[in-house]
Structure formats: C-alpha cells, structure tokens
Amino acid sequence: MRALLGKPAKTGLSLRRISKLINCKSTARALQRARYESLDGIRANANADGALLEQVAAPDDAGRTLFTEVAEALSYRRLSTGV
C-alpha cells in the first residue's frame, strides 16, 4: 500500500499529494466558518445554496486545474487498480 501512495499517477499527482490536499479539511472548515460568520444558519459550504456557493467559493483557474488533475488521477488509479 505504501508503494502505491508514492507512485505518481498519469497526471503527475501522487496519491500522497492528493491525500495531503484532502487532509487540509480543518483549514478549509476554518475558512468556511469565517466566510459565513455573518450569515445565520450557514457554517460551511455544505449549508450554502448553489448561487451563494458559486459567488463565494468558486475556484480560481489554479483551483479548477487542481480539481481536474485530482479527478483524473483518482480515475486513473481506479481504472488501473480496480479500486
């Protein structure tokens, strides 16, 4: 399993890098709490409706590229490992 985590995917992102990105969850939650502190009942992106979410949390070009690379890497891993 450890060997798989360090092996680069077709896109150049390793599962280790993807894992680090996903594990930034506590930082992301803190940013979301700060973003929505003035709105009642909304504490995270999960509580925001589509229009509000697009307005305040739409990814920039670098973010879109990262999302695409992660999705491609995970898809590639799934196809190559059957997981």
PDB file of N, CA and C in Angstrom:
ATOM      1  N   MET A   1       0.825  -1.198   0.000  1.00  0.00           N
ATOM      2  CA  MET A   1       0.000   0.000   0.000  1.00  0.00           C
ATOM      3  C   MET A   1       0.866   1.258   0.000  1.00  0.00           C
ATOM      4  N   ARG A   2       1.921   1.263   0.806  1.00  0.00           N
ATOM      5  CA  ARG A   2       2.795   2.439   0.867  1.00  0.00           C
ATOM      6  C   ARG A   2       3.413   2.736  -0.491  1.00  0.00           C
ATOM      7  N   ALA A   3       3.769   1.686  -1.228  1.00  0.00           N
ATOM      8  CA  ALA A   3       4.350   1.887  -2.559  1.00  0.00           C
ATOM      9  C   ALA A   3       3.354   2.582  -3.479  1.00  0.00           C
ATOM     10  N   LEU A   4       2.090   2.256  -3.367  1.00  0.00           N
ATOM     11  CA  LEU A   4       1.073   2.899  -4.201  1.00  0.00           C
ATOM     12  C   LEU A   4       0.937   4.374  -3.880  1.00  0.00           C
ATOM     13  N   LEU A   5       1.049   4.731  -2.601  1.00  0.00           N
ATOM     14  CA  LEU A   5       0.868   6.131  -2.216  1.00  0.00           C
ATOM     15  C   LEU A   5       1.922   7.043  -2.822  1.00  0.00           C
ATOM     16  N   GLY A   6       3.124   6.553  -3.012  1.00  0.00           N
ATOM     17  CA  GLY A   6       4.172   7.395  -3.551  1.00  0.00           C
ATOM     18  C   GLY A   6       4.297   7.335  -5.063  1.00  0.00           C
ATOM     19  N   LYS A   7       3.614   6.421  -5.694  1.00  0.00           N
ATOM     20  CA  LYS A   7       3.718   6.246  -7.139  1.00  0.00           C
ATOM     21  C   LYS A   7       2.967   7.362  -7.862  1.00  0.00           C
ATOM     22  N   PRO A   8       3.626   8.080  -8.753  1.00  0.00           N
ATOM     23  CA  PRO A   8       2.939   9.167  -9.457  1.00  0.00           C
ATOM     24  C   PRO A   8       1.841   8.631 -10.366  1.00  0.00           C
ATOM     25  N   ALA A   9       0.755   9.335 -10.409  1.00  0.00           N
ATOM     26  CA  ALA A   9      -0.330   8.990 -11.322  1.00  0.00           C
ATOM     27  C   ALA A   9      -0.007   9.548 -12.695  1.00  0.00           C
ATOM     28  N   LYS A  10      -0.815   9.209 -13.649  1.00  0.00           N
ATOM     29  CA  LYS A  10      -0.612   9.657 -15.027  1.00  0.00           C
ATOM     30  C   LYS A  10      -0.547  11.183 -15.122  1.00  0.00           C
ATOM     31  N   THR A  11      -1.283  11.873 -14.260  1.00  0.00           N
ATOM     32  CA  THR A  11      -1.330  13.330 -14.297  1.00  0.00           C
ATOM     33  C   THR A  11      -0.152  13.984 -13.595  1.00  0.00           C
ATOM     34  N   GLY A  12       0.660  13.201 -12.889  1.00  0.00           N
ATOM     35  CA  GLY A  12       1.765  13.771 -12.142  1.00  0.00           C
ATOM     36  C   GLY A  12       1.454  13.972 -10.672  1.00  0.00           C
ATOM     37  N   LEU A  13       0.203  13.839 -10.267  1.00  0.00           N
ATOM     38  CA  LEU A  13      -0.152  13.928  -8.852  1.00  0.00           C
ATOM     39  C   LEU A  13      -0.085  12.536  -8.243  1.00  0.00           C
ATOM     40  N   SER A  14       0.633  12.400  -7.150  1.00  0.00           N
ATOM     41  CA  SER A  14       0.689  11.114  -6.462  1.00  0.00           C
ATOM     42  C   SER A  14      -0.481  11.027  -5.487  1.00  0.00           C
ATOM     43  N   LEU A  15      -0.788   9.822  -5.066  1.00  0.00           N
ATOM     44  CA  LEU A  15      -1.841   9.666  -4.064  1.00  0.00           C
ATOM     45  C   LEU A  15      -1.443  10.333  -2.753  1.00  0.00           C
ATOM     46  N   ARG A  16      -0.153  10.378  -2.465  1.00  0.00           N
ATOM     47  CA  ARG A  16       0.312  11.075  -1.257  1.00  0.00           C
ATOM     48  C   ARG A  16      -0.055  12.557  -1.340  1.00  0.00           C
ATOM     49  N   ARG A  17       0.164  13.173  -2.481  1.00  0.00           N
ATOM     50  CA  ARG A  17      -0.164  14.593  -2.665  1.00  0.00           C
ATOM     51  C   ARG A  17      -1.663  14.813  -2.578  1.00  0.00           C
ATOM     52  N   ILE A  18      -2.422  13.923  -3.197  1.00  0.00           N
ATOM     53  CA  ILE A  18      -3.883  14.023  -3.124  1.00  0.00           C
ATOM     54  C   ILE A  18      -4.334  13.904  -1.675  1.00  0.00           C
ATOM     55  N   SER A  19      -3.753  12.971  -0.937  1.00  0.00           N
ATOM     56  CA  SER A  19      -4.097  12.783   0.466  1.00  0.00           C
ATOM     57  C   SER A  19      -3.820  14.044   1.278  1.00  0.00           C
ATOM     58  N   LYS A  20      -2.678  14.688   1.026  1.00  0.00           N
ATOM     59  CA  LYS A  20      -2.350  15.925   1.736  1.00  0.00           C
ATOM     60  C   LYS A  20      -3.375  17.011   1.434  1.00  0.00           C
ATOM     61  N   LEU A  21      -3.802  17.082   0.182  1.00  0.00           N
ATOM     62  CA  LEU A  21      -4.797  18.087  -0.196  1.00  0.00           C
ATOM     63  C   LEU A  21      -6.123  17.836   0.516  1.00  0.00           C
ATOM     64  N   ILE A  22      -6.509  16.586   0.571  1.00  0.00           N
ATOM     65  CA  ILE A  22      -7.763  16.231   1.228  1.00  0.00           C
ATOM     66  C   ILE A  22      -7.674  16.458   2.727  1.00  0.00           C
ATOM     67  N   ASN A  23      -6.501  16.220   3.319  1.00  0.00           N
ATOM     68  CA  ASN A  23      -6.334  16.371   4.757  1.00  0.00           C
ATOM     69  C   ASN A  23      -6.256  17.821   5.212  1.00  0.00           C
ATOM     70  N   CYS A  24      -6.393  18.740   4.331  1.00  0.00           N
ATOM     71  CA  CYS A  24      -6.439  20.154   4.699  1.00  0.00           C
ATOM     72  C   CYS A  24      -7.849  20.528   5.166  1.00  0.00           C
ATOM     73  N   LYS A  25      -8.615  19.517   5.528  1.00  0.00           N
ATOM     74  CA  LYS A  25     -10.013  19.711   5.883  1.00  0.00           C
ATOM     75  C   LYS A  25     -10.204  20.696   7.036  1.00  0.00           C
ATOM     76  N   SER A  26      -9.369  20.622   8.067  1.00  0.00           N
ATOM     77  CA  SER A  26      -9.555  21.522   9.201  1.00  0.00           C
ATOM     78  C   SER A  26      -9.318  22.967   8.799  1.00  0.00           C
ATOM     79  N   THR A  27      -8.347  23.214   7.956  1.00  0.00           N
ATOM     80  CA  THR A  27      -8.103  24.562   7.454  1.00  0.00           C
ATOM     81  C   THR A  27      -9.276  25.031   6.608  1.00  0.00           C
ATOM     82  N   ALA A  28      -9.773  24.155   5.761  1.00  0.00           N
ATOM     83  CA  ALA A  28     -10.912  24.505   4.914  1.00  0.00           C
ATOM     84  C   ALA A  28     -12.138  24.838   5.753  1.00  0.00           C
ATOM     85  N   ARG A  29     -12.375  24.052   6.785  1.00  0.00           N
ATOM     86  CA  ARG A  29     -13.541  24.318   7.650  1.00  0.00           C
ATOM     87  C   ARG A  29     -13.404  25.666   8.360  1.00  0.00           C
ATOM     88  N   ALA A  30     -12.206  25.994   8.808  1.00  0.00           N
ATOM     89  CA  ALA A  30     -11.983  27.283   9.467  1.00  0.00           C
ATOM     90  C   ALA A  30     -12.234  28.434   8.493  1.00  0.00           C
ATOM     91  N   LEU A  31     -11.759  28.291   7.262  1.00  0.00           N
ATOM     92  CA  LEU A  31     -12.008  29.324   6.245  1.00  0.00           C
ATOM     93  C   LEU A  31     -13.498  29.470   5.972  1.00  0.00           C
ATOM     94  N   GLN A  32     -14.194  28.353   5.913  1.00  0.00           N
ATOM     95  CA  GLN A  32     -15.624  28.404   5.644  1.00  0.00           C
ATOM     96  C   GLN A  32     -16.380  29.059   6.803  1.00  0.00           C
ATOM     97  N   ARG A  33     -16.021  28.726   8.036  1.00  0.00           N
ATOM     98  CA  ARG A  33     -16.679  29.367   9.191  1.00  0.00           C
ATOM     99  C   ARG A  33     -16.496  30.880   9.131  1.00  0.00           C
ATOM    100  N   ALA A  34     -15.285  31.336   8.810  1.00  0.00           N
ATOM    101  CA  ALA A  34     -15.021  32.777   8.714  1.00  0.00           C
ATOM    102  C   ALA A  34     -15.809  33.399   7.561  1.00  0.00           C
ATOM    103  N   ARG A  35     -15.892  32.689   6.449  1.00  0.00           N
ATOM    104  CA  ARG A  35     -16.598  33.187   5.260  1.00  0.00           C
ATOM    105  C   ARG A  35     -18.069  33.432   5.560  1.00  0.00           C
ATOM    106  N   TYR A  36     -18.676  32.557   6.336  1.00  0.00           N
ATOM    107  CA  TYR A  36     -20.127  32.612   6.553  1.00  0.00           C
ATOM    108  C   TYR A  36     -20.531  33.144   7.923  1.00  0.00           C
ATOM    109  N   GLU A  37     -19.589  33.679   8.699  1.00  0.00           N
ATOM    110  CA  GLU A  37     -19.918  34.076  10.068  1.00  0.00           C
ATOM    111  C   GLU A  37     -21.040  35.115  10.157  1.00  0.00           C
ATOM    112  N   SER A  38     -21.247  35.893   9.137  1.00  0.00           N
ATOM    113  CA  SER A  38     -22.308  36.910   9.183  1.00  0.00           C
ATOM    114  C   SER A  38     -23.659  36.371   8.698  1.00  0.00           C
ATOM    115  N   LEU A  39     -23.706  35.144   8.251  1.00  0.00           N
ATOM    116  CA  LEU A  39     -24.951  34.569   7.745  1.00  0.00           C
ATOM    117  C   LEU A  39     -25.501  33.540   8.726  1.00  0.00           C
ATOM    118  N   ASP A  40     -26.755  33.722   9.130  1.00  0.00           N
ATOM    119  CA  ASP A  40     -27.378  32.782  10.065  1.00  0.00           C
ATOM    120  C   ASP A  40     -27.610  31.421   9.415  1.00  0.00           C
ATOM    121  N   GLY A  41     -27.270  30.387  10.154  1.00  0.00           N
ATOM    122  CA  GLY A  41     -27.554  29.033   9.714  1.00  0.00           C
ATOM    123  C   GLY A  41     -26.577  28.452   8.707  1.00  0.00           C
ATOM    124  N   ILE A  42     -25.617  29.240   8.275  1.00  0.00           N
ATOM    125  CA  ILE A  42     -24.648  28.721   7.311  1.00  0.00           C
ATOM    126  C   ILE A  42     -23.271  28.767   7.960  1.00  0.00           C
ATOM    127  N   ARG A  43     -22.674  27.573   8.077  1.00  0.00           N
ATOM    128  CA  ARG A  43     -21.353  27.493   8.693  1.00  0.00           C
ATOM    129  C   ARG A  43     -20.316  26.891   7.760  1.00  0.00           C
ATOM    130  N   ALA A  44     -20.793  26.282   6.690  1.00  0.00           N
ATOM    131  CA  ALA A  44     -19.871  25.601   5.774  1.00  0.00           C
ATOM    132  C   ALA A  44     -20.467  25.621   4.370  1.00  0.00           C
ATOM    133  N   ASN A  45     -19.631  25.321   3.393  1.00  0.00           N
ATOM    134  CA  ASN A  45     -20.099  25.277   2.008  1.00  0.00           C
ATOM    135  C   ASN A  45     -21.282  24.320   1.842  1.00  0.00           C
ATOM    136  N   ALA A  46     -21.302  23.267   2.637  1.00  0.00           N
ATOM    137  CA  ALA A  46     -22.375  22.281   2.542  1.00  0.00           C
ATOM    138  C   ALA A  46     -23.739  22.887   2.878  1.00  0.00           C
ATOM    139  N   ASN A  47     -23.767  23.953   3.651  1.00  0.00           N
ATOM    140  CA  ASN A  47     -25.019  24.601   4.029  1.00  0.00           C
ATOM    141  C   ASN A  47     -25.441  25.701   3.062  1.00  0.00           C
ATOM    142  N   ALA A  48     -24.581  26.079   2.149  1.00  0.00           N
ATOM    143  CA  ALA A  48     -24.871  27.181   1.221  1.00  0.00           C
ATOM    144  C   ALA A  48     -25.591  26.650  -0.011  1.00  0.00           C
ATOM    145  N   ASP A  49     -26.500  27.461  -0.548  1.00  0.00           N
ATOM    146  CA  ASP A  49     -27.170  27.052  -1.786  1.00  0.00           C
ATOM    147  C   ASP A  49     -26.233  27.281  -2.976  1.00  0.00           C
ATOM    148  N   GLY A  50     -26.616  26.787  -4.110  1.00  0.00           N
ATOM    149  CA  GLY A  50     -25.759  26.843  -5.292  1.00  0.00           C
ATOM    150  C   GLY A  50     -25.309  28.240  -5.676  1.00  0.00           C
ATOM    151  N   ALA A  51     -26.240  29.196  -5.691  1.00  0.00           N
ATOM    152  CA  ALA A  51     -25.894  30.556  -6.114  1.00  0.00           C
ATOM    153  C   ALA A  51     -24.905  31.207  -5.145  1.00  0.00           C
ATOM    154  N   LEU A  52     -25.172  31.059  -3.838  1.00  0.00           N
ATOM    155  CA  LEU A  52     -24.260  31.634  -2.845  1.00  0.00           C
ATOM    156  C   LEU A  52     -22.900  30.952  -2.917  1.00  0.00           C
ATOM    157  N   LEU A  53     -22.905  29.654  -3.051  1.00  0.00           N
ATOM    158  CA  LEU A  53     -21.653  28.908  -3.118  1.00  0.00           C
ATOM    159  C   LEU A  53     -20.822  29.321  -4.331  1.00  0.00           C
ATOM    160  N   GLU A  54     -21.462  29.482  -5.465  1.00  0.00           N
ATOM    161  CA  GLU A  54     -20.743  29.935  -6.663  1.00  0.00           C
ATOM    162  C   GLU A  54     -20.176  31.335  -6.472  1.00  0.00           C
ATOM    163  N   GLN A  55     -20.906  32.169  -5.756  1.00  0.00           N
ATOM    164  CA  GLN A  55     -20.467  33.545  -5.536  1.00  0.00           C
ATOM    165  C   GLN A  55     -19.252  33.621  -4.612  1.00  0.00           C
ATOM    166  N   VAL A  56     -19.242  32.830  -3.544  1.00  0.00           N
ATOM    167  CA  VAL A  56     -18.187  32.996  -2.536  1.00  0.00           C
ATOM    168  C   VAL A  56     -17.088  31.941  -2.580  1.00  0.00           C
ATOM    169  N   ALA A  57     -17.332  30.823  -3.228  1.00  0.00           N
ATOM    170  CA  ALA A  57     -16.350  29.738  -3.143  1.00  0.00           C
ATOM    171  C   ALA A  57     -15.989  29.117  -4.489  1.00  0.00           C
ATOM    172  N   ALA A  58     -16.232  29.822  -5.555  1.00  0.00           N
ATOM    173  CA  ALA A  58     -15.865  29.287  -6.869  1.00  0.00           C
ATOM    174  C   ALA A  58     -14.343  29.226  -6.976  1.00  0.00           C
ATOM    175  N   PRO A  59     -13.815  28.120  -7.482  1.00  0.00           N
ATOM    176  CA  PRO A  59     -12.363  28.019  -7.602  1.00  0.00           C
ATOM    177  C   PRO A  59     -11.816  28.949  -8.687  1.00  0.00           C
ATOM    178  N   ASP A  60     -10.609  29.419  -8.463  1.00  0.00           N
ATOM    179  CA  ASP A  60      -9.943  30.209  -9.497  1.00  0.00           C
ATOM    180  C   ASP A  60      -9.366  29.243 -10.535  1.00  0.00           C
ATOM    181  N   ASP A  61      -8.649  29.765 -11.502  1.00  0.00           N
ATOM    182  CA  ASP A  61      -8.099  28.909 -12.563  1.00  0.00           C
ATOM    183  C   ASP A  61      -7.186  27.821 -12.000  1.00  0.00           C
ATOM    184  N   ALA A  62      -6.347  28.188 -11.043  1.00  0.00           N
ATOM    185  CA  ALA A  62      -5.439  27.202 -10.441  1.00  0.00           C
ATOM    186  C   ALA A  62      -6.235  26.126  -9.708  1.00  0.00           C
ATOM    187  N   GLY A  63      -7.292  26.528  -9.036  1.00  0.00           N
ATOM    188  CA  GLY A  63      -8.149  25.571  -8.326  1.00  0.00           C
ATOM    189  C   GLY A  63      -8.853  24.625  -9.278  1.00  0.00           C
ATOM    190  N   ARG A  64      -9.372  25.158 -10.377  1.00  0.00           N
ATOM    191  CA  ARG A  64     -10.026  24.313 -11.384  1.00  0.00           C
ATOM    192  C   ARG A  64      -9.047  23.294 -11.953  1.00  0.00           C
ATOM    193  N   THR A  65      -7.825  23.755 -12.222  1.00  0.00           N
ATOM    194  CA  THR A  65      -6.796  22.857 -12.736  1.00  0.00           C
ATOM    195  C   THR A  65      -6.494  21.759 -11.721  1.00  0.00           C
ATOM    196  N   LEU A  66      -6.368  22.139 -10.462  1.00  0.00           N
ATOM    197  CA  LEU A  66      -6.101  21.161  -9.418  1.00  0.00           C
ATOM    198  C   LEU A  66      -7.236  20.146  -9.312  1.00  0.00           C
ATOM    199  N   PHE A  67      -8.484  20.600  -9.304  1.00  0.00           N
ATOM    200  CA  PHE A  67      -9.623  19.684  -9.238  1.00  0.00           C
ATOM    201  C   PHE A  67      -9.603  18.704 -10.404  1.00  0.00           C
ATOM    202  N   THR A  68      -9.304  19.209 -11.583  1.00  0.00           N
ATOM    203  CA  THR A  68      -9.244  18.363 -12.774  1.00  0.00           C
ATOM    204  C   THR A  68      -8.144  17.320 -12.642  1.00  0.00           C
ATOM    205  N   GLU A  69      -6.968  17.743 -12.182  1.00  0.00           N
ATOM    206  CA  GLU A  69      -5.852  16.819 -12.030  1.00  0.00           C
ATOM    207  C   GLU A  69      -6.155  15.742 -10.987  1.00  0.00           C
ATOM    208  N   VAL A  70      -6.763  16.142  -9.876  1.00  0.00           N
ATOM    209  CA  VAL A  70      -7.111  15.168  -8.838  1.00  0.00           C
ATOM    210  C   VAL A  70      -8.139  14.175  -9.368  1.00  0.00           C
ATOM    211  N   ALA A  71      -9.167  14.673 -10.043  1.00  0.00           N
ATOM    212  CA  ALA A  71     -10.187  13.781 -10.588  1.00  0.00           C
ATOM    213  C   ALA A  71      -9.590  12.808 -11.596  1.00  0.00           C
ATOM    214  N   GLU A  72      -8.715  13.303 -12.448  1.00  0.00           N
ATOM    215  CA  GLU A  72      -8.072  12.431 -13.434  1.00  0.00           C
ATOM    216  C   GLU A  72      -7.167  11.406 -12.755  1.00  0.00           C
ATOM    217  N   ALA A  73      -6.419  11.843 -11.736  1.00  0.00           N
ATOM    218  CA  ALA A  73      -5.517  10.929 -11.028  1.00  0.00           C
ATOM    219  C   ALA A  73      -6.310   9.837 -10.316  1.00  0.00           C
ATOM    220  N   LEU A  74      -7.378  10.221  -9.645  1.00  0.00           N
ATOM    221  CA  LEU A  74      -8.194   9.224  -8.953  1.00  0.00           C
ATOM    222  C   LEU A  74      -8.876   8.289  -9.936  1.00  0.00           C
ATOM    223  N   SER A  75      -9.340   8.806 -11.036  1.00  0.00           N
ATOM    224  CA  SER A  75      -9.963   7.976 -12.063  1.00  0.00           C
ATOM    225  C   SER A  75      -8.946   7.007 -12.640  1.00  0.00           C
ATOM    226  N   TYR A  76      -7.747   7.485 -12.909  1.00  0.00           N
ATOM    227  CA  TYR A  76      -6.674   6.652 -13.446  1.00  0.00           C
ATOM    228  C   TYR A  76      -6.341   5.538 -12.456  1.00  0.00           C
ATOM    229  N   ARG A  77      -6.223   5.896 -11.167  1.00  0.00           N
ATOM    230  CA  ARG A  77      -5.926   4.904 -10.135  1.00  0.00           C
ATOM    231  C   ARG A  77      -7.023   3.853 -10.086  1.00  0.00           C
ATOM    232  N   ARG A  78      -8.248   4.301 -10.154  1.00  0.00           N
ATOM    233  CA  ARG A  78      -9.382   3.378 -10.075  1.00  0.00           C
ATOM    234  C   ARG A  78      -9.352   2.397 -11.250  1.00  0.00           C
ATOM    235  N   LEU A  79      -9.089   2.918 -12.435  1.00  0.00           N
ATOM    236  CA  LEU A  79      -9.045   2.053 -13.613  1.00  0.00           C
ATOM    237  C   LEU A  79      -7.867   1.097 -13.557  1.00  0.00           C
ATOM    238  N   SER A  80      -6.721   1.567 -13.073  1.00  0.00           N
ATOM    239  CA  SER A  80      -5.528   0.718 -13.089  1.00  0.00           C
ATOM    240  C   SER A  80      -5.470  -0.277 -11.936  1.00  0.00           C
ATOM    241  N   THR A  81      -6.143   0.034 -10.820  1.00  0.00           N
ATOM    242  CA  THR A  81      -6.089  -0.855  -9.669  1.00  0.00           C
ATOM    243  C   THR A  81      -7.405  -1.581  -9.414  1.00  0.00           C
ATOM    244  N   GLY A  82      -8.466  -1.137 -10.086  1.00  0.00           N
ATOM    245  CA  GLY A  82      -9.776  -1.754  -9.864  1.00  0.00           C
ATOM    246  C   GLY A  82     -10.419  -1.356  -8.553  1.00  0.00           C
ATOM    247  N   VAL A  83      -9.860  -0.338  -7.883  1.00  0.00           N
ATOM    248  CA  VAL A  83     -10.403   0.103  -6.590  1.00  0.00           C
ATOM    249  C   VAL A  83     -11.274   1.314  -6.795  1.00  0.00           C
TER     250      VAL A  83
END
